[in-house]
Amino acid sequence: MPDFPAIRVGQGFDIHPFSTDPDRPMMLAGVAFPGPGLAGHSDADVIAHAVTDAFLGAAGLGDIGSHFPDTDPALQGADSIELLRAAMRGVRDAGWTPLNADCSVVLDAPKLAPVREAMQERLTEAVGAPVTIKGKRPEGIGALGRGDGIACWAVALVARPQ
């Protein structure tokens, strides 16, 4: 029987409502957009959170909440790209190599296309492997269709030699 490397896939999901604070900046994949931002304990970067969850899941290391709980006062306003970097150190320490991640972000605004490359570069640098982003419109369906917030799904692939 051939000796194949171990390959695992992880799925991540995150969703945040819009903040009622008009001065709170919106962070998406480590890129700042004009407010209002998203409500959350950290900077509420739904894309970075979904990617973090996907890689932690692929490596069998739990989820973002078990590593970075929203009850920890030290994480109030935390930079989610730094949380992603910390999670990726854990993934590597567990013997896994990140191969890639792909994200689908559901939102009407802001438009991602003008800064998609910058967003992908920020995530790729933090992960150490390619990360791609696709924007999807909610087409008026559900809470996201009413403009209540932003959601992101991510899938990640990791490998290690047998």
Protein backbone atom coordinates (compact mmCIF):
# COMPACT_ATOMS: atom_id res chain seq x y z
CA MET A 1 0.00 0.00 0.00
CA PRO A 2 1.44 3.45 -0.90
CA ASP A 3 2.44 5.77 1.91
CA PHE A 4 0.20 8.84 1.54
CA PRO A 5 0.55 11.98 3.63
CA ALA A 6 -2.17 12.64 6.17
CA ILE A 7 -4.55 15.25 4.77
CA ARG A 8 -7.39 16.85 6.71
CA VAL A 9 -10.07 19.38 5.86
CA GLY A 10 -11.64 21.82 8.30
CA GLN A 11 -14.70 24.02 8.01
CA GLY A 12 -15.11 27.37 9.73
CA PHE A 13 -18.07 29.69 10.14
CA ASP A 14 -18.57 33.05 11.79
CA ILE A 15 -21.28 35.69 11.83
CA HIS A 16 -21.52 39.09 13.50
CA PRO A 17 -24.25 41.75 13.53
CA PHE A 18 -23.47 45.34 12.69
CA SER A 19 -22.43 47.47 15.65
CA THR A 20 -24.60 50.34 16.84
CA ASP A 21 -21.40 52.41 17.30
CA PRO A 22 -21.00 54.45 14.09
CA ASP A 23 -17.33 55.10 14.94
CA ARG A 24 -16.37 51.44 15.28
CA PRO A 25 -14.27 50.51 12.23
CA MET A 26 -15.13 47.40 10.27
CA MET A 27 -12.32 44.86 10.01
CA LEU A 28 -12.56 42.22 7.30
CA ALA A 29 -9.55 39.96 6.65
CA GLY A 30 -7.39 42.46 8.49
CA VAL A 31 -8.41 45.38 6.27
CA ALA A 32 -10.21 48.37 7.79
CA PHE A 33 -13.40 49.70 6.21
CA PRO A 34 -15.36 52.78 7.33
CA GLY A 35 -17.83 52.09 10.16
CA PRO A 36 -20.11 51.07 11.45
CA GLY A 37 -18.16 47.93 12.13
CA LEU A 38 -19.33 44.61 13.44
CA ALA A 39 -20.27 43.96 17.06
CA GLY A 40 -18.08 41.55 18.97
CA HIS A 41 -15.62 41.08 21.83
CA SER A 42 -12.56 41.29 19.56
CA ASP A 43 -12.42 43.39 16.40
CA ALA A 44 -15.19 41.05 15.08
CA ASP A 45 -13.35 40.17 11.85
CA VAL A 46 -15.71 37.46 10.58
CA ILE A 47 -13.33 36.38 7.81
CA ALA A 48 -10.30 35.94 10.07
CA HIS A 49 -12.49 34.12 12.61
CA ALA A 50 -13.87 31.68 10.05
CA VAL A 51 -10.38 30.95 8.69
CA THR A 52 -9.09 30.42 12.24
CA ASP A 53 -11.92 27.97 12.98
CA ALA A 54 -11.31 26.11 9.71
CA PHE A 55 -7.60 25.55 10.41
CA LEU A 56 -8.14 24.66 14.07
CA GLY A 57 -10.80 22.14 13.02
CA ALA A 58 -8.62 20.64 10.30
CA ALA A 59 -5.84 20.08 12.84
CA GLY A 60 -8.25 18.63 15.42
CA LEU A 61 -7.57 21.49 17.84
CA GLY A 62 -11.10 22.58 18.69
CA ASP A 63 -12.54 25.96 17.80
CA ILE A 64 -11.71 29.63 18.11
CA GLY A 65 -13.81 30.03 21.26
CA SER A 66 -11.84 27.37 23.14
CA HIS A 67 -8.55 29.12 22.34
CA PHE A 68 -9.70 32.75 22.49
CA PRO A 69 -12.86 32.94 24.65
CA ASP A 70 -15.04 36.03 24.42
CA THR A 71 -15.13 36.03 28.23
CA ASP A 72 -11.39 36.87 28.44
CA PRO A 73 -11.03 40.60 29.20
CA ALA A 74 -7.50 40.52 27.72
CA LEU A 75 -9.05 39.79 24.31
CA GLN A 76 -11.38 42.82 24.33
CA GLY A 77 -10.80 44.55 20.98
CA ALA A 78 -8.16 41.97 19.97
CA ASP A 79 -6.70 42.02 16.46
CA SER A 80 -8.16 38.91 14.81
CA ILE A 81 -5.21 38.59 12.43
CA GLU A 82 -2.97 38.19 15.50
CA LEU A 83 -5.37 35.54 16.85
CA LEU A 84 -5.14 33.75 13.48
CA ARG A 85 -1.31 33.87 13.67
CA ALA A 86 -1.42 32.37 17.17
CA ALA A 87 -3.80 29.62 16.02
CA MET A 88 -1.51 28.82 13.09
CA ARG A 89 1.43 28.39 15.48
CA GLY A 90 -0.70 25.80 17.28
CA VAL A 91 -1.55 24.07 14.01
CA ARG A 92 2.15 23.84 13.11
CA ASP A 93 3.11 22.76 16.65
CA ALA A 94 0.63 19.88 16.24
CA GLY A 95 2.62 18.75 13.19
CA TRP A 96 0.32 20.07 10.46
CA THR A 97 1.28 22.18 7.45
CA PRO A 98 -1.39 24.55 6.13
CA LEU A 99 -1.98 24.08 2.40
CA ASN A 100 -4.75 26.58 1.63
CA ALA A 101 -8.06 28.07 2.68
CA ASP A 102 -11.02 29.41 0.73
CA CYS A 103 -13.72 31.75 2.08
CA SER A 104 -17.22 32.76 1.06
CA VAL A 105 -18.37 36.01 2.65
CA VAL A 106 -22.09 36.85 2.60
CA LEU A 107 -22.75 40.60 2.62
CA ASP A 108 -24.24 43.46 0.63
CA ALA A 109 -21.72 46.06 1.76
CA PRO A 110 -18.94 46.92 1.79
CA LYS A 111 -17.83 45.83 -1.66
CA LEU A 112 -14.87 43.45 -1.38
CA ALA A 113 -13.66 43.45 -4.99
CA PRO A 114 -11.66 46.71 -4.75
CA VAL A 115 -9.57 45.37 -1.84
CA ARG A 116 -9.86 41.60 -2.31
CA GLU A 117 -6.16 41.20 -3.16
CA ALA A 118 -5.07 43.13 -0.05
CA MET A 119 -7.42 41.01 2.09
CA GLN A 120 -6.10 37.78 0.59
CA GLU A 121 -2.50 38.95 1.11
CA ARG A 122 -3.12 39.72 4.81
CA LEU A 123 -4.66 36.31 5.42
CA THR A 124 -2.08 34.46 3.31
CA GLU A 125 0.75 36.10 5.27
CA ALA A 126 -0.84 35.21 8.62
CA VAL A 127 -1.58 31.61 7.60
CA GLY A 128 1.61 30.93 5.63
CA ALA A 129 -0.40 29.41 2.76
CA PRO A 130 -2.74 30.77 0.07
CA VAL A 131 -6.12 32.09 1.23
CA THR A 132 -8.80 33.14 -1.27
CA ILE A 133 -11.97 35.16 -0.68
CA LYS A 134 -15.24 35.30 -2.59
CA GLY A 135 -18.01 37.80 -1.87
CA LYS A 136 -21.62 36.60 -2.13
CA ARG A 137 -24.76 38.72 -1.90
CA PRO A 138 -27.60 37.51 0.35
CA GLU A 139 -30.18 38.50 -2.31
CA GLY A 140 -32.60 39.81 0.32
CA ILE A 141 -32.92 36.46 2.13
CA GLY A 142 -32.99 36.24 5.93
CA ALA A 143 -31.23 38.47 8.45
CA LEU A 144 -28.22 38.93 6.18
CA GLY A 145 -30.56 39.95 3.39
CA ARG A 146 -32.01 42.63 5.66
CA GLY A 147 -28.49 43.94 6.24
CA ASP A 148 -28.29 42.82 9.87
CA GLY A 149 -24.69 41.59 9.65
CA ILE A 150 -22.02 39.65 7.78
CA ALA A 151 -21.30 35.92 7.69
CA CYS A 152 -18.34 33.93 6.42
CA TRP A 153 -17.76 30.27 5.67
CA ALA A 154 -14.22 28.97 5.24
CA VAL A 155 -12.66 25.65 4.36
CA ALA A 156 -9.02 24.82 5.06
CA LEU A 157 -6.67 22.02 4.05
CA VAL A 158 -3.72 20.79 6.13
CA ALA A 159 -1.27 17.92 5.64
CA ARG A 160 1.55 16.11 7.43
CA PRO A 161 3.76 13.21 6.44
CA GLN A 162 2.74 9.75 7.62
